[in-house]
Amino acid sequence: MHIVAMIAGFLCVFTVLLDAFQTIILPRRATGRVRLTRLFYIATWTPWTFFANLMDHPRKRETAFSFYGPLSLILLLALWAGLILLGFGLLFYSLGNPFYDIRQQTGFWSDLYVSGTAIFTLGPTDAGPLSGAARCLMVIEAGIGFGFLAIVMGYFPVLYGAFSRREVNISLLDARAGSPPTAAELMRRHAHDDAAEALSILLTEWERWSAELLESHISFPLLCYFRSQHTHQSWIGALTCILDTSALLIAGVQGHEARQAQLTFAMARHAMVDLTQVLTRMPVANIADRLPTERYNQLYGLLCQSGVSMCRDGSSEQRLRELRQLYEPYAETLSRYFCMPLPPWIAEQPHKDNWLTVSKVRAKAEEANPPGELVPGEGRVQAIAALRDDHHDF
């Protein structure tokens, strides 16, 4: 019995330490299908999504989903601490009553109590070790508990720093692609003069964002469960929107630099596929067509009216369909698993964007001051600008 307790205790401690090392410290994808963290998220996410989907109100349902990410992190840390406590309790029990306890007879519950005081470094006076082996184990457990606390304190800033960096670009996409972001709206808002350079810069930023997403979410997969703070926003939706836009630029748009679109598409698809593999999700084989022919014709007409130079050959839709097959099955499986809807190619119904208030104020300013008119004080501003151009010092 004592040998079994020793083996079980050692396995508990070793499993937790290995899992914590792979989850927190190791800066690469954790290997192994039977891992404590993976089993924990499988066991908790499925019932959480079931009960959350029972809520009829969309805002309440999304709020319930948003609680899961931070709460699962706390529960995972509690699970690790509990298993370490149990593991050392079994190791103490295998030594055969190595403690004195002034309140009750010695036994397994006394061993668990001493184990708890050791991992949380309480230093009790009502129980203590009687043998050298018990003293050594208590010191080891206290050291593990102290190191565990230090790792946890450093773990939270890293996670929330990565989450914050992820959300910055998602929030910036609101004014550029609508809410939710769509490829049609992103292209329409970049159809003005000198938009090619702005669109190229945007795709460059999202290529880097996709690379950062890949590195951070492979090292810390639990970040995938953290939801965006605003309605109609999600990291899956933003990533899919950028893939849609890049695919459209590659397959069916003239007059834009396709090189950056290809680089962004490759990096964004790489992130999508690798995250699907990390989460051990299979791509969906038979999915609903997000862009049937009639919707493509609507997209084509909308972009042409906005001033986008679309390819006029009959193969553009087929080229776009081939590119979509490279990422849509992976986007669909992630969307279903995390209950984050994919954005449409064209907005189903207009949503009020957060930036429209600023846009309306700017429109009023332009109406009140049409080009070519000199407003009071403008002459002084022009004079100062001319002096500065002549390198005069003030």
Protein backbone atom coordinates (compact mmCIF):
# COMPACT_ATOMS: atom_id res chain seq x y z
CA MET A 1 0.00 0.00 0.00
CA HIS A 2 2.80 2.42 0.86
CA ILE A 3 4.62 1.60 -2.39
CA VAL A 4 1.47 2.32 -4.39
CA ALA A 5 1.05 5.62 -2.53
CA MET A 6 4.67 6.55 -3.29
CA ILE A 7 4.31 5.82 -7.01
CA ALA A 8 0.99 7.70 -7.21
CA GLY A 9 2.41 10.68 -5.33
CA PHE A 10 5.49 10.83 -7.54
CA LEU A 11 3.34 10.65 -10.69
CA CYS A 12 1.11 13.49 -9.44
CA VAL A 13 4.04 15.79 -8.72
CA PHE A 14 5.92 14.89 -11.90
CA THR A 15 2.84 15.31 -14.11
CA VAL A 16 2.08 18.76 -12.71
CA LEU A 17 5.67 19.99 -12.97
CA LEU A 18 6.01 18.72 -16.56
CA ASP A 19 2.66 20.18 -17.58
CA ALA A 20 3.42 23.55 -15.96
CA PHE A 21 6.83 23.62 -17.66
CA GLN A 22 5.32 22.93 -21.08
CA THR A 23 2.46 25.36 -20.58
CA ILE A 24 4.31 28.31 -19.03
CA ILE A 25 8.06 28.10 -19.56
CA LEU A 26 8.62 26.15 -22.79
CA PRO A 27 8.49 28.70 -25.69
CA ARG A 28 7.19 26.25 -28.27
CA ARG A 29 4.30 23.93 -28.97
CA ALA A 30 3.72 21.40 -26.19
CA THR A 31 3.72 17.80 -27.39
CA GLY A 32 1.58 14.88 -26.30
CA ARG A 33 -2.15 14.32 -26.59
CA VAL A 34 -2.49 13.19 -22.96
CA ARG A 35 -1.55 16.38 -21.14
CA LEU A 36 -3.10 17.74 -17.99
CA THR A 37 -3.83 21.19 -19.42
CA ARG A 38 -5.33 19.76 -22.61
CA LEU A 39 -7.55 17.36 -20.67
CA PHE A 40 -8.60 20.19 -18.36
CA TYR A 41 -9.76 22.39 -21.24
CA ILE A 42 -11.52 19.52 -22.97
CA ALA A 43 -13.35 18.64 -19.76
CA THR A 44 -14.42 22.22 -18.96
CA TRP A 45 -14.94 23.95 -22.33
CA THR A 46 -17.55 21.54 -23.67
CA PRO A 47 -20.01 21.90 -20.75
CA TRP A 48 -19.33 25.65 -20.57
CA THR A 49 -20.29 26.12 -24.23
CA PHE A 50 -23.37 23.95 -23.73
CA PHE A 51 -24.76 26.07 -20.89
CA ALA A 52 -23.67 29.36 -22.48
CA ASN A 53 -25.49 28.51 -25.72
CA LEU A 54 -28.69 28.01 -23.73
CA MET A 55 -28.82 31.77 -23.17
CA ASP A 56 -31.09 33.49 -25.70
CA HIS A 57 -29.75 37.02 -25.32
CA PRO A 58 -26.61 37.46 -27.51
CA ARG A 59 -24.93 39.93 -25.15
CA LYS A 60 -25.41 37.70 -22.10
CA ARG A 61 -24.20 34.68 -24.06
CA GLU A 62 -21.06 36.51 -25.16
CA THR A 63 -20.47 37.70 -21.60
CA ALA A 64 -20.66 34.10 -20.40
CA PHE A 65 -18.09 33.08 -23.01
CA SER A 66 -15.80 35.97 -22.01
CA PHE A 67 -15.69 34.74 -18.40
CA TYR A 68 -14.27 31.37 -19.39
CA GLY A 69 -10.75 32.45 -20.41
CA PRO A 70 -9.69 34.25 -17.20
CA LEU A 71 -11.64 31.83 -14.98
CA SER A 72 -10.08 28.77 -16.64
CA LEU A 73 -6.64 30.19 -15.94
CA ILE A 74 -7.42 30.50 -12.22
CA LEU A 75 -8.95 27.02 -12.11
CA LEU A 76 -5.95 25.54 -13.91
CA LEU A 77 -3.56 27.05 -11.36
CA ALA A 78 -5.76 25.75 -8.55
CA LEU A 79 -5.72 22.29 -10.15
CA TRP A 80 -1.93 22.31 -10.34
CA ALA A 81 -1.61 23.39 -6.69
CA GLY A 82 -4.15 20.80 -5.56
CA LEU A 83 -2.39 17.96 -7.36
CA ILE A 84 1.00 18.99 -5.94
CA LEU A 85 -0.55 19.04 -2.47
CA LEU A 86 -2.08 15.60 -3.05
CA GLY A 87 1.12 14.19 -4.52
CA PHE A 88 3.28 15.18 -1.57
CA GLY A 89 0.55 14.02 0.79
CA LEU A 90 0.80 10.57 -0.79
CA LEU A 91 4.59 10.68 -0.54
CA PHE A 92 4.35 11.53 3.14
CA TYR A 93 1.84 8.75 3.63
CA SER A 94 4.21 6.26 1.98
CA LEU A 95 6.80 7.02 4.69
CA GLY A 96 4.46 5.61 7.36
CA ASN A 97 3.26 8.25 9.86
CA PRO A 98 6.31 10.55 9.65
CA PHE A 99 4.61 13.43 11.55
CA TYR A 100 3.34 14.27 14.97
CA ASP A 101 -0.06 15.95 15.24
CA ILE A 102 -1.18 17.35 18.59
CA ARG A 103 -4.84 17.65 17.51
CA GLN A 104 -5.58 14.17 16.17
CA GLN A 105 -4.08 10.80 15.49
CA THR A 106 -1.61 10.68 12.66
CA GLY A 107 -2.78 9.36 9.31
CA PHE A 108 -3.40 10.35 5.69
CA TRP A 109 -5.43 13.48 6.57
CA SER A 110 -2.61 14.66 8.79
CA ASP A 111 -0.20 14.07 5.90
CA LEU A 112 -2.40 16.15 3.61
CA TYR A 113 -2.54 18.93 6.20
CA VAL A 114 1.24 19.07 6.53
CA SER A 115 1.57 18.96 2.76
CA GLY A 116 -0.75 21.95 2.46
CA THR A 117 1.17 23.91 5.07
CA ALA A 118 4.43 23.14 3.26
CA ILE A 119 3.32 24.18 -0.24
CA PHE A 120 1.78 27.41 1.03
CA THR A 121 4.70 27.97 3.47
CA LEU A 122 2.46 28.45 6.53
CA GLY A 123 4.89 27.06 9.12
CA PRO A 124 2.43 25.45 11.62
CA THR A 125 3.36 24.53 15.18
CA ASP A 126 0.66 21.89 15.79
CA ALA A 127 2.25 19.31 13.43
CA GLY A 128 5.74 18.57 12.18
CA PRO A 129 8.13 15.95 10.79
CA LEU A 130 9.65 13.18 12.87
CA SER A 131 12.07 11.72 10.33
CA GLY A 132 14.82 13.06 8.12
CA ALA A 133 13.07 11.93 4.93
CA ALA A 134 9.93 13.84 5.92
CA ARG A 135 11.99 16.96 6.58
CA CYS A 136 13.64 16.72 3.17
CA LEU A 137 10.29 16.31 1.43
CA MET A 138 8.85 19.29 3.32
CA VAL A 139 11.76 21.48 2.23
CA ILE A 140 11.38 20.31 -1.38
CA GLU A 141 7.65 20.98 -1.35
CA ALA A 142 8.12 24.42 0.19
CA GLY A 143 10.66 25.25 -2.53
CA ILE A 144 8.28 24.05 -5.24
CA GLY A 145 5.46 26.09 -3.72
CA PHE A 146 7.61 29.22 -3.62
CA GLY A 147 8.76 28.70 -7.22
CA PHE A 148 5.20 27.98 -8.29
CA LEU A 149 4.07 31.30 -6.82
CA ALA A 150 6.91 33.16 -8.56
CA ILE A 151 6.05 31.57 -11.92
CA VAL A 152 2.39 32.44 -11.54
CA MET A 153 3.23 36.06 -10.71
CA GLY A 154 5.32 36.29 -13.87
CA TYR A 155 2.82 34.33 -15.95
CA PHE A 156 -0.10 36.73 -15.71
CA PRO A 157 1.68 39.83 -17.15
CA VAL A 158 2.99 37.79 -20.09
CA LEU A 159 -0.47 36.46 -20.91
CA TYR A 160 -2.27 39.77 -20.63
CA GLY A 161 0.51 41.55 -22.52
CA ALA A 162 0.08 39.14 -25.44
CA PHE A 163 -3.70 39.53 -25.22
CA SER A 164 -3.43 43.32 -25.27
CA ARG A 165 -1.14 43.32 -28.32
CA ARG A 166 -3.56 41.03 -30.12
CA GLU A 167 -6.54 43.26 -29.44
CA VAL A 168 -4.94 46.54 -30.54
CA ASN A 169 -5.01 45.71 -34.25
CA ILE A 170 -8.46 44.15 -33.96
CA SER A 171 -9.79 47.43 -32.55
CA LEU A 172 -8.02 49.43 -35.26
CA LEU A 173 -9.66 47.25 -37.93
CA ASP A 174 -13.08 48.57 -36.91
CA ALA A 175 -12.61 51.90 -38.71
CA ARG A 176 -11.05 50.21 -41.73
CA ALA A 177 -13.31 47.21 -42.32
CA GLY A 178 -16.52 47.77 -40.36
CA SER A 179 -18.15 45.91 -37.49
CA PRO A 180 -17.87 42.99 -38.03
CA PRO A 181 -14.93 43.39 -40.43
CA THR A 182 -15.61 42.31 -44.01
CA ALA A 183 -13.39 42.15 -47.07
CA ALA A 184 -15.89 44.16 -49.11
CA GLU A 185 -15.91 47.02 -46.62
CA LEU A 186 -12.13 46.97 -46.24
CA MET A 187 -11.66 47.23 -50.00
CA ARG A 188 -14.39 49.85 -50.36
CA ARG A 189 -12.83 52.11 -47.73
CA HIS A 190 -9.47 51.80 -49.47
CA ALA A 191 -10.78 52.66 -52.94
CA HIS A 192 -9.87 56.36 -52.74
CA ASP A 193 -6.86 58.02 -54.32
CA ASP A 194 -3.48 56.98 -52.91
CA ALA A 195 -5.16 54.04 -51.21
CA ALA A 196 -2.80 51.42 -52.64
CA GLU A 197 0.03 52.49 -50.32
CA ALA A 198 -2.28 52.63 -47.28
CA LEU A 199 -3.63 49.16 -48.06
CA SER A 200 -0.12 47.80 -48.50
CA ILE A 201 0.92 49.23 -45.12
CA LEU A 202 -2.19 47.74 -43.54
CA LEU A 203 -1.42 44.29 -44.94
CA THR A 204 2.17 44.58 -43.75
CA GLU A 205 0.96 45.32 -40.22
CA TRP A 206 -1.38 42.34 -40.34
CA GLU A 207 1.37 40.07 -41.61
CA ARG A 208 3.34 40.92 -38.48
CA TRP A 209 0.20 40.59 -36.34
CA SER A 210 -0.39 37.10 -37.74
CA ALA A 211 3.20 36.12 -36.92
CA GLU A 212 2.84 37.43 -33.35
CA LEU A 213 -0.49 35.64 -33.01
CA LEU A 214 1.11 32.39 -34.14
CA GLU A 215 4.04 32.63 -31.74
CA SER A 216 2.06 33.74 -28.68
CA HIS A 217 -0.92 31.42 -29.11
CA ILE A 218 1.19 28.36 -29.83
CA SER A 219 3.20 28.99 -26.66
CA PHE A 220 0.05 29.88 -24.67
CA PRO A 221 -2.94 28.16 -26.34
CA LEU A 222 -5.29 29.25 -23.56
CA LEU A 223 -5.15 32.77 -25.05
CA CYS A 224 -7.40 31.45 -27.81
CA TYR A 225 -10.22 31.30 -25.25
CA PHE A 226 -9.89 35.00 -24.35
CA ARG A 227 -12.61 36.99 -26.10
CA SER A 228 -12.39 40.50 -27.51
CA GLN A 229 -13.82 43.30 -25.42
CA HIS A 230 -16.13 44.75 -28.08
CA THR A 231 -19.19 43.41 -29.87
CA HIS A 232 -18.74 41.92 -33.36
CA GLN A 233 -15.00 41.53 -32.82
CA SER A 234 -12.90 38.39 -32.45
CA TRP A 235 -9.42 37.27 -33.38
CA ILE A 236 -10.85 34.55 -35.64
CA GLY A 237 -13.10 37.05 -37.42
CA ALA A 238 -10.26 39.54 -37.93
CA LEU A 239 -7.88 36.86 -39.19
CA THR A 240 -10.52 35.55 -41.61
CA CYS A 241 -11.26 39.06 -42.88
CA ILE A 242 -7.58 39.65 -43.66
CA LEU A 243 -7.38 36.28 -45.42
CA ASP A 244 -10.49 37.15 -47.46
CA THR A 245 -9.04 40.51 -48.46
CA SER A 246 -5.65 39.07 -49.36
CA ALA A 247 -7.26 36.29 -51.42
CA LEU A 248 -9.42 38.84 -53.24
CA LEU A 249 -6.41 41.03 -54.02
CA ILE A 250 -4.46 38.05 -55.34
CA ALA A 251 -7.23 36.50 -57.41
CA GLY A 252 -9.43 39.28 -58.71
CA VAL A 253 -8.20 42.87 -58.27
CA GLN A 254 -6.12 44.95 -60.65
CA GLY A 255 -4.01 47.97 -59.92
CA HIS A 256 -2.84 46.89 -56.45
CA GLU A 257 0.48 45.50 -55.41
CA ALA A 258 -0.18 41.76 -55.05
CA ARG A 259 3.19 40.94 -53.53
CA GLN A 260 2.29 42.11 -50.03
CA ALA A 261 -1.11 40.43 -50.30
CA GLN A 262 0.65 37.12 -51.01
CA LEU A 263 2.98 37.53 -48.03
CA THR A 264 0.11 38.41 -45.69
CA PHE A 265 -2.02 35.55 -47.00
CA ALA A 266 0.79 33.04 -46.45
CA MET A 267 1.47 34.21 -42.89
CA ALA A 268 -2.19 34.47 -41.89
CA ARG A 269 -2.98 31.02 -43.31
CA HIS A 270 0.07 29.61 -41.53
CA ALA A 271 -1.29 30.95 -38.24
CA MET A 272 -4.78 29.59 -38.95
CA VAL A 273 -3.58 26.09 -39.84
CA ASP A 274 -1.05 25.77 -37.03
CA LEU A 275 -3.52 26.89 -34.37
CA THR A 276 -5.99 24.33 -35.67
CA GLN A 277 -3.35 21.63 -35.26
CA VAL A 278 -2.32 22.84 -31.80
CA LEU A 279 -5.92 22.60 -30.67
CA THR A 280 -6.21 19.17 -32.36
CA ARG A 281 -9.17 20.24 -34.47
CA MET A 282 -9.85 18.73 -37.87
CA PRO A 283 -10.73 21.05 -40.79
CA VAL A 284 -14.39 20.90 -41.75
CA ALA A 285 -14.81 19.06 -45.04
CA ASN A 286 -18.30 20.10 -46.12
CA ILE A 287 -19.01 23.70 -45.19
CA ALA A 288 -21.59 26.18 -46.41
CA ASP A 289 -20.35 28.37 -49.23
CA ARG A 290 -19.59 31.80 -47.75
CA LEU A 291 -19.46 33.37 -51.21
CA PRO A 292 -21.80 31.71 -53.74
CA THR A 293 -21.94 32.99 -57.30
CA GLU A 294 -24.75 35.46 -56.69
CA ARG A 295 -22.93 36.92 -53.69
CA TYR A 296 -19.72 37.13 -55.70
CA ASN A 297 -21.54 39.05 -58.42
CA GLN A 298 -22.87 41.39 -55.74
CA LEU A 299 -19.35 41.80 -54.34
CA TYR A 300 -18.02 42.42 -57.83
CA GLY A 301 -20.60 45.11 -58.54
CA LEU A 302 -20.13 46.79 -55.15
CA LEU A 303 -16.36 47.05 -55.56
CA CYS A 304 -16.62 48.28 -59.14
CA GLN A 305 -19.02 51.03 -58.04
CA SER A 306 -16.56 51.99 -55.29
CA GLY A 307 -13.75 52.43 -57.83
CA VAL A 308 -11.86 49.17 -57.31
CA SER A 309 -10.38 47.80 -60.55
CA MET A 310 -11.66 44.24 -60.67
CA CYS A 311 -10.35 41.59 -63.04
CA ARG A 312 -12.81 41.14 -65.89
CA ASP A 313 -11.91 37.63 -67.02
CA GLY A 314 -14.27 34.76 -66.29
CA SER A 315 -11.77 32.83 -64.14
CA SER A 316 -11.45 35.30 -61.26
CA GLU A 317 -14.21 33.66 -59.24
CA GLN A 318 -12.62 30.23 -59.68
CA ARG A 319 -9.21 31.55 -58.65
CA LEU A 320 -10.74 33.08 -55.55
CA ARG A 321 -12.55 29.82 -54.76
CA GLU A 322 -9.25 27.90 -54.95
CA LEU A 323 -7.63 30.29 -52.50
CA ARG A 324 -10.60 30.11 -50.15
CA GLN A 325 -10.31 26.34 -49.97
CA LEU A 326 -6.85 26.77 -48.46
CA TYR A 327 -8.10 28.42 -45.26
CA GLU A 328 -11.90 28.35 -44.93
CA PRO A 329 -12.11 24.72 -43.64
CA TYR A 330 -9.69 25.64 -40.83
CA ALA A 331 -11.46 28.92 -40.08
CA GLU A 332 -14.78 27.08 -39.90
CA THR A 333 -13.57 24.47 -37.40
CA LEU A 334 -12.08 27.16 -35.15
CA SER A 335 -15.28 29.20 -35.44
CA ARG A 336 -17.43 26.26 -34.38
CA TYR A 337 -15.14 25.24 -31.55
CA PHE A 338 -14.82 28.71 -29.99
CA CYS A 339 -18.36 29.82 -30.90
CA MET A 340 -16.98 32.86 -32.75
CA PRO A 341 -18.91 33.48 -35.98
CA LEU A 342 -16.97 34.07 -39.17
CA PRO A 343 -17.51 37.45 -40.84
CA PRO A 344 -19.42 37.53 -44.14
CA TRP A 345 -17.82 38.79 -47.32
CA ILE A 346 -20.45 41.52 -47.50
CA ALA A 347 -22.13 42.92 -44.39
CA GLU A 348 -25.55 41.34 -43.99
CA GLN A 349 -26.94 44.45 -42.33
CA PRO A 350 -25.36 47.81 -41.55
CA HIS A 351 -23.82 48.20 -38.12
CA LYS A 352 -22.84 51.43 -36.45
CA ASP A 353 -19.07 51.66 -36.36
CA ASN A 354 -17.34 53.25 -33.40
CA TRP A 355 -15.51 55.75 -35.60
CA LEU A 356 -18.58 57.19 -37.40
CA THR A 357 -19.08 59.98 -34.86
CA VAL A 358 -15.64 61.39 -35.68
CA SER A 359 -16.33 60.97 -39.39
CA LYS A 360 -19.57 62.99 -39.16
CA VAL A 361 -17.81 65.85 -37.34
CA ARG A 362 -15.10 65.92 -40.02
CA ALA A 363 -17.76 65.99 -42.75
CA LYS A 364 -19.40 69.02 -41.14
CA ALA A 365 -16.02 70.79 -40.98
CA GLU A 366 -15.42 70.18 -44.68
CA GLU A 367 -18.90 71.43 -45.56
CA ALA A 368 -18.36 74.63 -43.58
CA ASN A 369 -14.94 75.21 -45.14
CA PRO A 370 -14.98 74.19 -48.80
CA PRO A 371 -11.62 74.00 -50.60
CA GLY A 372 -10.32 77.29 -51.97
CA GLU A 373 -11.94 79.56 -49.41
CA LEU A 374 -9.76 81.49 -47.01
CA VAL A 375 -11.01 81.27 -43.47
CA PRO A 376 -10.12 83.85 -40.78
CA GLY A 377 -6.61 83.27 -39.50
CA GLU A 378 -5.60 81.09 -42.43
CA GLY A 379 -3.42 83.79 -43.94
CA ARG A 380 -1.41 84.00 -40.71
CA VAL A 381 -0.95 80.22 -40.72
CA GLN A 382 0.25 80.32 -44.34
CA ALA A 383 2.68 83.11 -43.54
CA ILE A 384 4.17 81.19 -40.64
CA ALA A 385 4.45 78.09 -42.84
CA ALA A 386 6.28 80.14 -45.50
CA LEU A 387 8.75 81.51 -42.95
CA ARG A 388 9.45 78.00 -41.69
CA ASP A 389 10.08 76.84 -45.22
CA ASP A 390 12.66 79.62 -45.54
CA HIS A 391 14.41 78.24 -42.41
CA HIS A 392 13.82 81.33 -40.31
CA ASP A 393 14.27 81.00 -36.58
CA PHE A 394 11.62 82.31 -34.21
